[in-house]
PDB file of N, CA and C in Angstrom:
ATOM      1  N   MET A   1       0.846  -1.176   0.000  1.00  0.00           N
ATOM      2  CA  MET A   1       0.000   0.000   0.000  1.00  0.00           C
ATOM      3  C   MET A   1       0.887   1.234   0.000  1.00  0.00           C
ATOM      4  N   PRO A   2       0.726   2.114  -1.023  1.00  0.00           N
ATOM      5  CA  PRO A   2       1.573   3.315  -1.081  1.00  0.00           C
ATOM      6  C   PRO A   2       1.195   4.316   0.010  1.00  0.00           C
ATOM      7  N   ILE A   3       2.192   5.055   0.432  1.00  0.00           N
ATOM      8  CA  ILE A   3       1.970   6.087   1.440  1.00  0.00           C
ATOM      9  C   ILE A   3       1.532   7.369   0.718  1.00  0.00           C
ATOM     10  N   LYS A   4       0.464   7.924   1.195  1.00  0.00           N
ATOM     11  CA  LYS A   4      -0.063   9.143   0.582  1.00  0.00           C
ATOM     12  C   LYS A   4       0.311  10.341   1.462  1.00  0.00           C
ATOM     13  N   LEU A   5       1.051  11.272   0.883  1.00  0.00           N
ATOM     14  CA  LEU A   5       1.445  12.466   1.616  1.00  0.00           C
ATOM     15  C   LEU A   5       0.459  13.593   1.319  1.00  0.00           C
ATOM     16  N   ASN A   6       0.044  14.269   2.350  1.00  0.00           N
ATOM     17  CA  ASN A   6      -0.899  15.368   2.185  1.00  0.00           C
ATOM     18  C   ASN A   6      -0.227  16.650   2.654  1.00  0.00           C
ATOM     19  N   PHE A   7       0.053  17.527   1.728  1.00  0.00           N
ATOM     20  CA  PHE A   7       0.667  18.804   2.063  1.00  0.00           C
ATOM     21  C   PHE A   7      -0.355  19.934   2.105  1.00  0.00           C
ATOM     22  N   GLY A   8      -1.604  19.591   2.098  1.00  0.00           N
ATOM     23  CA  GLY A   8      -2.643  20.609   2.107  1.00  0.00           C
ATOM     24  C   GLY A   8      -3.015  21.007   0.689  1.00  0.00           C
ATOM     25  N   SER A   9      -3.914  21.946   0.588  1.00  0.00           N
ATOM     26  CA  SER A   9      -4.434  22.331  -0.728  1.00  0.00           C
ATOM     27  C   SER A   9      -3.678  23.509  -1.338  1.00  0.00           C
ATOM     28  N   ARG A  10      -2.664  24.008  -0.642  1.00  0.00           N
ATOM     29  CA  ARG A  10      -1.950  25.186  -1.145  1.00  0.00           C
ATOM     30  C   ARG A  10      -0.852  24.759  -2.115  1.00  0.00           C
ATOM     31  N   THR A  11      -1.039  25.140  -3.348  1.00  0.00           N
ATOM     32  CA  THR A  11      -0.031  24.871  -4.372  1.00  0.00           C
ATOM     33  C   THR A  11       1.001  25.998  -4.332  1.00  0.00           C
ATOM     34  N   PRO A  12       2.164  25.784  -4.942  1.00  0.00           N
ATOM     35  CA  PRO A  12       3.144  26.878  -4.978  1.00  0.00           C
ATOM     36  C   PRO A  12       2.577  28.163  -5.605  1.00  0.00           C
ATOM     37  N   ALA A  13       1.725  28.004  -6.613  1.00  0.00           N
ATOM     38  CA  ALA A  13       1.109  29.188  -7.228  1.00  0.00           C
ATOM     39  C   ALA A  13       0.195  29.907  -6.241  1.00  0.00           C
ATOM     40  N   ALA A  14      -0.542  29.132  -5.438  1.00  0.00           N
ATOM     41  CA  ALA A  14      -1.439  29.739  -4.449  1.00  0.00           C
ATOM     42  C   ALA A  14      -0.635  30.470  -3.379  1.00  0.00           C
ATOM     43  N   VAL A  15       0.476  29.884  -2.962  1.00  0.00           N
ATOM     44  CA  VAL A  15       1.326  30.526  -1.958  1.00  0.00           C
ATOM     45  C   VAL A  15       1.884  31.835  -2.508  1.00  0.00           C
ATOM     46  N   SER A  16       2.333  31.813  -3.759  1.00  0.00           N
ATOM     47  CA  SER A  16       2.867  33.016  -4.398  1.00  0.00           C
ATOM     48  C   SER A  16       1.792  34.089  -4.514  1.00  0.00           C
ATOM     49  N   ARG A  17       0.582  33.689  -4.893  1.00  0.00           N
ATOM     50  CA  ARG A  17      -0.526  34.635  -5.034  1.00  0.00           C
ATOM     51  C   ARG A  17      -0.877  35.244  -3.677  1.00  0.00           C
ATOM     52  N   GLU A  18      -0.908  34.416  -2.626  1.00  0.00           N
ATOM     53  CA  GLU A  18      -1.222  34.930  -1.291  1.00  0.00           C
ATOM     54  C   GLU A  18      -0.159  35.920  -0.823  1.00  0.00           C
ATOM     55  N   ARG A  19       1.092  35.611  -1.113  1.00  0.00           N
ATOM     56  CA  ARG A  19       2.180  36.499  -0.719  1.00  0.00           C
ATOM     57  C   ARG A  19       2.048  37.838  -1.454  1.00  0.00           C
ATOM     58  N   LYS A  20       1.732  37.785  -2.748  1.00  0.00           N
ATOM     59  CA  LYS A  20       1.578  39.006  -3.549  1.00  0.00           C
ATOM     60  C   LYS A  20       0.400  39.837  -3.036  1.00  0.00           C
ATOM     61  N   GLU A  21      -0.721  39.180  -2.719  1.00  0.00           N
ATOM     62  CA  GLU A  21      -1.894  39.897  -2.198  1.00  0.00           C
ATOM     63  C   GLU A  21      -1.582  40.531  -0.854  1.00  0.00           C
ATOM     64  N   GLY A  22      -0.819  39.813  -0.022  1.00  0.00           N
ATOM     65  CA  GLY A  22      -0.425  40.363   1.277  1.00  0.00           C
ATOM     66  C   GLY A  22       0.443  41.596   1.117  1.00  0.00           C
ATOM     67  N   GLN A  23       1.353  41.568   0.138  1.00  0.00           N
ATOM     68  CA  GLN A  23       2.217  42.726  -0.111  1.00  0.00           C
ATOM     69  C   GLN A  23       1.413  43.904  -0.622  1.00  0.00           C
ATOM     70  N   GLU A  24       0.438  43.646  -1.516  1.00  0.00           N
ATOM     71  CA  GLU A  24      -0.402  44.727  -2.032  1.00  0.00           C
ATOM     72  C   GLU A  24      -1.226  45.354  -0.907  1.00  0.00           C
ATOM     73  N   LYS A  25      -1.717  44.521   0.000  1.00  0.00           N
ATOM     74  CA  LYS A  25      -2.497  45.034   1.127  1.00  0.00           C
ATOM     75  C   LYS A  25      -1.617  45.901   2.030  1.00  0.00           C
ATOM     76  N   ALA A  26      -0.375  45.453   2.252  1.00  0.00           N
ATOM     77  CA  ALA A  26       0.549  46.231   3.074  1.00  0.00           C
ATOM     78  C   ALA A  26       0.860  47.567   2.401  1.00  0.00           C
ATOM     79  N   ASP A  27       1.020  47.566   1.070  1.00  0.00           N
ATOM     80  CA  ASP A  27       1.284  48.807   0.342  1.00  0.00           C
ATOM     81  C   ASP A  27       0.110  49.764   0.450  1.00  0.00           C
ATOM     82  N   ARG A  28      -1.118  49.229   0.369  1.00  0.00           N
ATOM     83  CA  ARG A  28      -2.302  50.095   0.457  1.00  0.00           C
ATOM     84  C   ARG A  28      -2.461  50.674   1.852  1.00  0.00           C
ATOM     85  N   SER A  29      -2.020  49.930   2.871  1.00  0.00           N
ATOM     86  CA  SER A  29      -2.233  50.395   4.232  1.00  0.00           C
ATOM     87  C   SER A  29      -1.166  51.383   4.687  1.00  0.00           C
ATOM     88  N   ARG A  30      -0.106  51.533   3.898  1.00  0.00           N
ATOM     89  CA  ARG A  30       0.935  52.495   4.255  1.00  0.00           C
ATOM     90  C   ARG A  30       0.359  53.890   4.124  1.00  0.00           C
ATOM     91  N   ILE A  31       0.448  54.656   5.179  1.00  0.00           N
ATOM     92  CA  ILE A  31      -0.144  55.992   5.181  1.00  0.00           C
ATOM     93  C   ILE A  31       0.957  57.012   4.941  1.00  0.00           C
ATOM     94  N   LEU A  32       0.751  57.815   3.916  1.00  0.00           N
ATOM     95  CA  LEU A  32       1.707  58.874   3.626  1.00  0.00           C
ATOM     96  C   LEU A  32       1.305  60.134   4.380  1.00  0.00           C
ATOM     97  N   PRO A  33       2.284  60.875   4.875  1.00  0.00           N
ATOM     98  CA  PRO A  33       1.928  62.148   5.510  1.00  0.00           C
ATOM     99  C   PRO A  33       1.347  63.095   4.477  1.00  0.00           C
ATOM    100  N   LEU A  34       0.361  63.879   4.893  1.00  0.00           N
ATOM    101  CA  LEU A  34      -0.244  64.824   3.958  1.00  0.00           C
ATOM    102  C   LEU A  34       0.716  65.966   3.672  1.00  0.00           C
ATOM    103  N   PRO A  35       0.897  66.294   2.415  1.00  0.00           N
ATOM    104  CA  PRO A  35       1.764  67.419   2.094  1.00  0.00           C
ATOM    105  C   PRO A  35       1.093  68.726   2.486  1.00  0.00           C
ATOM    106  N   THR A  36       1.890  69.689   2.835  1.00  0.00           N
ATOM    107  CA  THR A  36       1.340  71.005   3.171  1.00  0.00           C
ATOM    108  C   THR A  36       1.200  71.815   1.894  1.00  0.00           C
ATOM    109  N   ASN A  37       0.500  72.950   1.968  1.00  0.00           N
ATOM    110  CA  ASN A  37       0.345  73.808   0.802  1.00  0.00           C
ATOM    111  C   ASN A  37       1.697  74.276   0.277  1.00  0.00           C
ATOM    112  N   ARG A  38       2.626  74.483   1.193  1.00  0.00           N
ATOM    113  CA  ARG A  38       3.956  74.929   0.790  1.00  0.00           C
ATOM    114  C   ARG A  38       4.615  73.866  -0.088  1.00  0.00           C
ATOM    115  N   ASP A  39       4.360  72.565   0.243  1.00  0.00           N
ATOM    116  CA  ASP A  39       4.925  71.478  -0.550  1.00  0.00           C
ATOM    117  C   ASP A  39       4.249  71.366  -1.911  1.00  0.00           C
ATOM    118  N   ILE A  40       2.947  71.626  -1.960  1.00  0.00           N
ATOM    119  CA  ILE A  40       2.185  71.402  -3.186  1.00  0.00           C
ATOM    120  C   ILE A  40       2.391  72.523  -4.203  1.00  0.00           C
ATOM    121  N   ASN A  41       2.434  73.755  -3.745  1.00  0.00           N
ATOM    122  CA  ASN A  41       2.489  74.891  -4.681  1.00  0.00           C
ATOM    123  C   ASN A  41       3.717  74.804  -5.574  1.00  0.00           C
ATOM    124  N   GLY A  42       3.456  74.729  -6.872  1.00  0.00           N
ATOM    125  CA  GLY A  42       4.535  74.740  -7.837  1.00  0.00           C
ATOM    126  C   GLY A  42       5.306  73.441  -7.953  1.00  0.00           C
ATOM    127  N   SER A  43       4.826  72.355  -7.360  1.00  0.00           N
ATOM    128  CA  SER A  43       5.534  71.085  -7.431  1.00  0.00           C
ATOM    129  C   SER A  43       4.729  70.072  -8.223  1.00  0.00           C
ATOM    130  N   THR A  44       5.426  69.245  -8.978  1.00  0.00           N
ATOM    131  CA  THR A  44       4.767  68.146  -9.679  1.00  0.00           C
ATOM    132  C   THR A  44       4.715  66.947  -8.747  1.00  0.00           C
ATOM    133  N   PRO A  45       3.819  65.984  -9.016  1.00  0.00           N
ATOM    134  CA  PRO A  45       3.765  64.800  -8.163  1.00  0.00           C
ATOM    135  C   PRO A  45       5.115  64.074  -8.061  1.00  0.00           C
ATOM    136  N   SER A  46       5.876  64.033  -9.159  1.00  0.00           N
ATOM    137  CA  SER A  46       7.169  63.348  -9.090  1.00  0.00           C
ATOM    138  C   SER A  46       8.150  64.102  -8.190  1.00  0.00           C
ATOM    139  N   GLN A  47       8.069  65.428  -8.182  1.00  0.00           N
ATOM    140  CA  GLN A  47       8.926  66.206  -7.277  1.00  0.00           C
ATOM    141  C   GLN A  47       8.508  65.978  -5.828  1.00  0.00           C
ATOM    142  N   LEU A  48       7.182  65.912  -5.600  1.00  0.00           N
ATOM    143  CA  LEU A  48       6.702  65.676  -4.242  1.00  0.00           C
ATOM    144  C   LEU A  48       7.063  64.277  -3.752  1.00  0.00           C
ATOM    145  N   ALA A  49       7.040  63.303  -4.652  1.00  0.00           N
ATOM    146  CA  ALA A  49       7.327  61.927  -4.258  1.00  0.00           C
ATOM    147  C   ALA A  49       8.733  61.806  -3.684  1.00  0.00           C
ATOM    148  N   LYS A  50       9.636  62.657  -4.134  1.00  0.00           N
ATOM    149  CA  LYS A  50      11.001  62.626  -3.612  1.00  0.00           C
ATOM    150  C   LYS A  50      11.044  63.014  -2.136  1.00  0.00           C
ATOM    151  N   ASN A  51      10.050  63.784  -1.667  1.00  0.00           N
ATOM    152  CA  ASN A  51      10.000  64.213  -0.270  1.00  0.00           C
ATOM    153  C   ASN A  51       9.463  63.135   0.669  1.00  0.00           C
ATOM    154  N   PHE A  52       8.810  62.103   0.100  1.00  0.00           N
ATOM    155  CA  PHE A  52       8.197  61.069   0.923  1.00  0.00           C
ATOM    156  C   PHE A  52       8.812  59.725   0.567  1.00  0.00           C
ATOM    157  N   PRO A  53       9.704  59.205   1.415  1.00  0.00           N
ATOM    158  CA  PRO A  53      10.372  57.936   1.103  1.00  0.00           C
ATOM    159  C   PRO A  53       9.354  56.819   0.863  1.00  0.00           C
ATOM    160  N   GLY A  54       9.581  56.050  -0.174  1.00  0.00           N
ATOM    161  CA  GLY A  54       8.704  54.925  -0.479  1.00  0.00           C
ATOM    162  C   GLY A  54       7.474  55.300  -1.275  1.00  0.00           C
ATOM    163  N   ALA A  55       7.311  56.569  -1.595  1.00  0.00           N
ATOM    164  CA  ALA A  55       6.122  57.010  -2.325  1.00  0.00           C
ATOM    165  C   ALA A  55       6.399  57.012  -3.817  1.00  0.00           C
ATOM    166  N   HIS A  56       5.446  56.527  -4.568  1.00  0.00           N
ATOM    167  CA  HIS A  56       5.531  56.587  -6.021  1.00  0.00           C
ATOM    168  C   HIS A  56       4.762  57.820  -6.479  1.00  0.00           C
ATOM    169  N   TRP A  57       5.212  58.436  -7.569  1.00  0.00           N
ATOM    170  CA  TRP A  57       4.572  59.688  -7.987  1.00  0.00           C
ATOM    171  C   TRP A  57       3.096  59.513  -8.288  1.00  0.00           C
ATOM    172  N   ARG A  58       2.676  58.321  -8.760  1.00  0.00           N
ATOM    173  CA  ARG A  58       1.248  58.122  -9.033  1.00  0.00           C
ATOM    174  C   ARG A  58       0.441  58.130  -7.738  1.00  0.00           C
ATOM    175  N   ASN A  59       1.015  57.570  -6.664  1.00  0.00           N
ATOM    176  CA  ASN A  59       0.325  57.599  -5.373  1.00  0.00           C
ATOM    177  C   ASN A  59       0.216  59.025  -4.854  1.00  0.00           C
ATOM    178  N   VAL A  60       1.276  59.802  -5.046  1.00  0.00           N
ATOM    179  CA  VAL A  60       1.247  61.207  -4.610  1.00  0.00           C
ATOM    180  C   VAL A  60       0.217  61.977  -5.417  1.00  0.00           C
ATOM    181  N   GLU A  61       0.169  61.697  -6.721  1.00  0.00           N
ATOM    182  CA  GLU A  61      -0.810  62.361  -7.591  1.00  0.00           C
ATOM    183  C   GLU A  61      -2.230  62.032  -7.137  1.00  0.00           C
ATOM    184  N   LYS A  62      -2.468  60.769  -6.786  1.00  0.00           N
ATOM    185  CA  LYS A  62      -3.783  60.353  -6.298  1.00  0.00           C
ATOM    186  C   LYS A  62      -4.107  61.050  -4.977  1.00  0.00           C
ATOM    187  N   ALA A  63      -3.125  61.115  -4.079  1.00  0.00           N
ATOM    188  CA  ALA A  63      -3.343  61.772  -2.787  1.00  0.00           C
ATOM    189  C   ALA A  63      -3.636  63.256  -2.978  1.00  0.00           C
ATOM    190  N   MET A  64      -2.940  63.881  -3.934  1.00  0.00           N
ATOM    191  CA  MET A  64      -3.201  65.302  -4.205  1.00  0.00           C
ATOM    192  C   MET A  64      -4.622  65.499  -4.717  1.00  0.00           C
ATOM    193  N   GLY A  65      -5.090  64.581  -5.574  1.00  0.00           N
ATOM    194  CA  GLY A  65      -6.459  64.663  -6.069  1.00  0.00           C
ATOM    195  C   GLY A  65      -7.472  64.501  -4.955  1.00  0.00           C
ATOM    196  N   GLU A  66      -7.192  63.536  -4.042  1.00  0.00           N
ATOM    197  CA  GLU A  66      -8.098  63.321  -2.916  1.00  0.00           C
ATOM    198  C   GLU A  66      -8.094  64.536  -1.996  1.00  0.00           C
ATOM    199  N   LEU A  67      -6.930  65.134  -1.809  1.00  0.00           N
ATOM    200  CA  LEU A  67      -6.834  66.337  -0.976  1.00  0.00           C
ATOM    201  C   LEU A  67      -7.629  67.486  -1.596  1.00  0.00           C
ATOM    202  N   ASP A  68      -7.523  67.630  -2.912  1.00  0.00           N
ATOM    203  CA  ASP A  68      -8.305  68.661  -3.604  1.00  0.00           C
ATOM    204  C   ASP A  68      -9.803  68.425  -3.425  1.00  0.00           C
ATOM    205  N   GLN A  69     -10.226  67.152  -3.481  1.00  0.00           N
ATOM    206  CA  GLN A  69     -11.647  66.835  -3.291  1.00  0.00           C
ATOM    207  C   GLN A  69     -12.086  67.183  -1.876  1.00  0.00           C
ATOM    208  N   LEU A  70     -11.241  66.868  -0.888  1.00  0.00           N
ATOM    209  CA  LEU A  70     -11.586  67.183   0.499  1.00  0.00           C
ATOM    210  C   LEU A  70     -11.679  68.688   0.717  1.00  0.00           C
ATOM    211  N   ILE A  71     -10.750  69.411   0.125  1.00  0.00           N
ATOM    212  CA  ILE A  71     -10.787  70.876   0.239  1.00  0.00           C
ATOM    213  C   ILE A  71     -12.056  71.406  -0.422  1.00  0.00           C
ATOM    214  N   GLY A  72     -12.414  70.819  -1.572  1.00  0.00           N
ATOM    215  CA  GLY A  72     -13.644  71.229  -2.259  1.00  0.00           C
ATOM    216  C   GLY A  72     -14.876  70.932  -1.432  1.00  0.00           C
ATOM    217  N   LEU A  73     -14.905  69.766  -0.778  1.00  0.00           N
ATOM    218  CA  LEU A  73     -16.048  69.415   0.074  1.00  0.00           C
ATOM    219  C   LEU A  73     -16.148  70.361   1.262  1.00  0.00           C
ATOM    220  N   ALA A  74     -15.012  70.699   1.847  1.00  0.00           N
ATOM    221  CA  ALA A  74     -15.017  71.618   2.979  1.00  0.00           C
ATOM    222  C   ALA A  74     -15.545  72.980   2.546  1.00  0.00           C
ATOM    223  N   GLU A  75     -15.157  73.400   1.348  1.00  0.00           N
ATOM    224  CA  GLU A  75     -15.625  74.687   0.824  1.00  0.00           C
ATOM    225  C   GLU A  75     -17.139  74.654   0.599  1.00  0.00           C
ATOM    226  N   VAL A  76     -17.653  73.560   0.049  1.00  0.00           N
ATOM    227  CA  VAL A  76     -19.097  73.420  -0.180  1.00  0.00           C
ATOM    228  C   VAL A  76     -19.842  73.439   1.147  1.00  0.00           C
ATOM    229  N   LYS A  77     -19.327  72.732   2.145  1.00  0.00           N
ATOM    230  CA  LYS A  77     -19.978  72.722   3.463  1.00  0.00           C
ATOM    231  C   LYS A  77     -19.999  74.119   4.072  1.00  0.00           C
ATOM    232  N   ARG A  78     -18.883  74.836   3.917  1.00  0.00           N
ATOM    233  CA  ARG A  78     -18.825  76.199   4.452  1.00  0.00           C
ATOM    234  C   ARG A  78     -19.855  77.095   3.763  1.00  0.00           C
ATOM    235  N   LEU A  79     -19.956  76.965   2.443  1.00  0.00           N
ATOM    236  CA  LEU A  79     -20.924  77.775   1.699  1.00  0.00           C
ATOM    237  C   LEU A  79     -22.361  77.420   2.080  1.00  0.00           C
ATOM    238  N   LEU A  80     -22.627  76.141   2.318  1.00  0.00           N
ATOM    239  CA  LEU A  80     -23.976  75.738   2.724  1.00  0.00           C
ATOM    240  C   LEU A  80     -24.318  76.266   4.114  1.00  0.00           C
ATOM    241  N   ARG A  81     -23.325  76.290   5.011  1.00  0.00           N
ATOM    242  CA  ARG A  81     -23.587  76.827   6.350  1.00  0.00           C
ATOM    243  C   ARG A  81     -23.883  78.327   6.291  1.00  0.00           C
ATOM    244  N   GLU A  82     -23.195  79.029   5.392  1.00  0.00           N
ATOM    245  CA  GLU A  82     -23.395  80.465   5.275  1.00  0.00           C
ATOM    246  C   GLU A  82     -24.721  80.819   4.607  1.00  0.00           C
ATOM    247  N   ALA A  83     -25.250  79.919   3.796  1.00  0.00           N
ATOM    248  CA  ALA A  83     -26.477  80.208   3.045  1.00  0.00           C
ATOM    249  C   ALA A  83     -27.701  80.216   3.932  1.00  0.00           C
TER     250      ALA A  83
END
């Protein structure tokens, strides 16, 4: 009778995929400090990315867009309160 070895259902591809997903989750959870207006004025996202270790310019560009949206929302709320 042959001996049957059971290593579980995780194949090498599944282990690699899980590791990659874990790394992507860790990258998403990394919080970048918010740039100040002094940092943003006259700077491109790639120039700003140099100020934040580990930041890619596309992530900085996305953060700048989100910051602009938040500033816009705050402005709308202020205008609604004044109305």
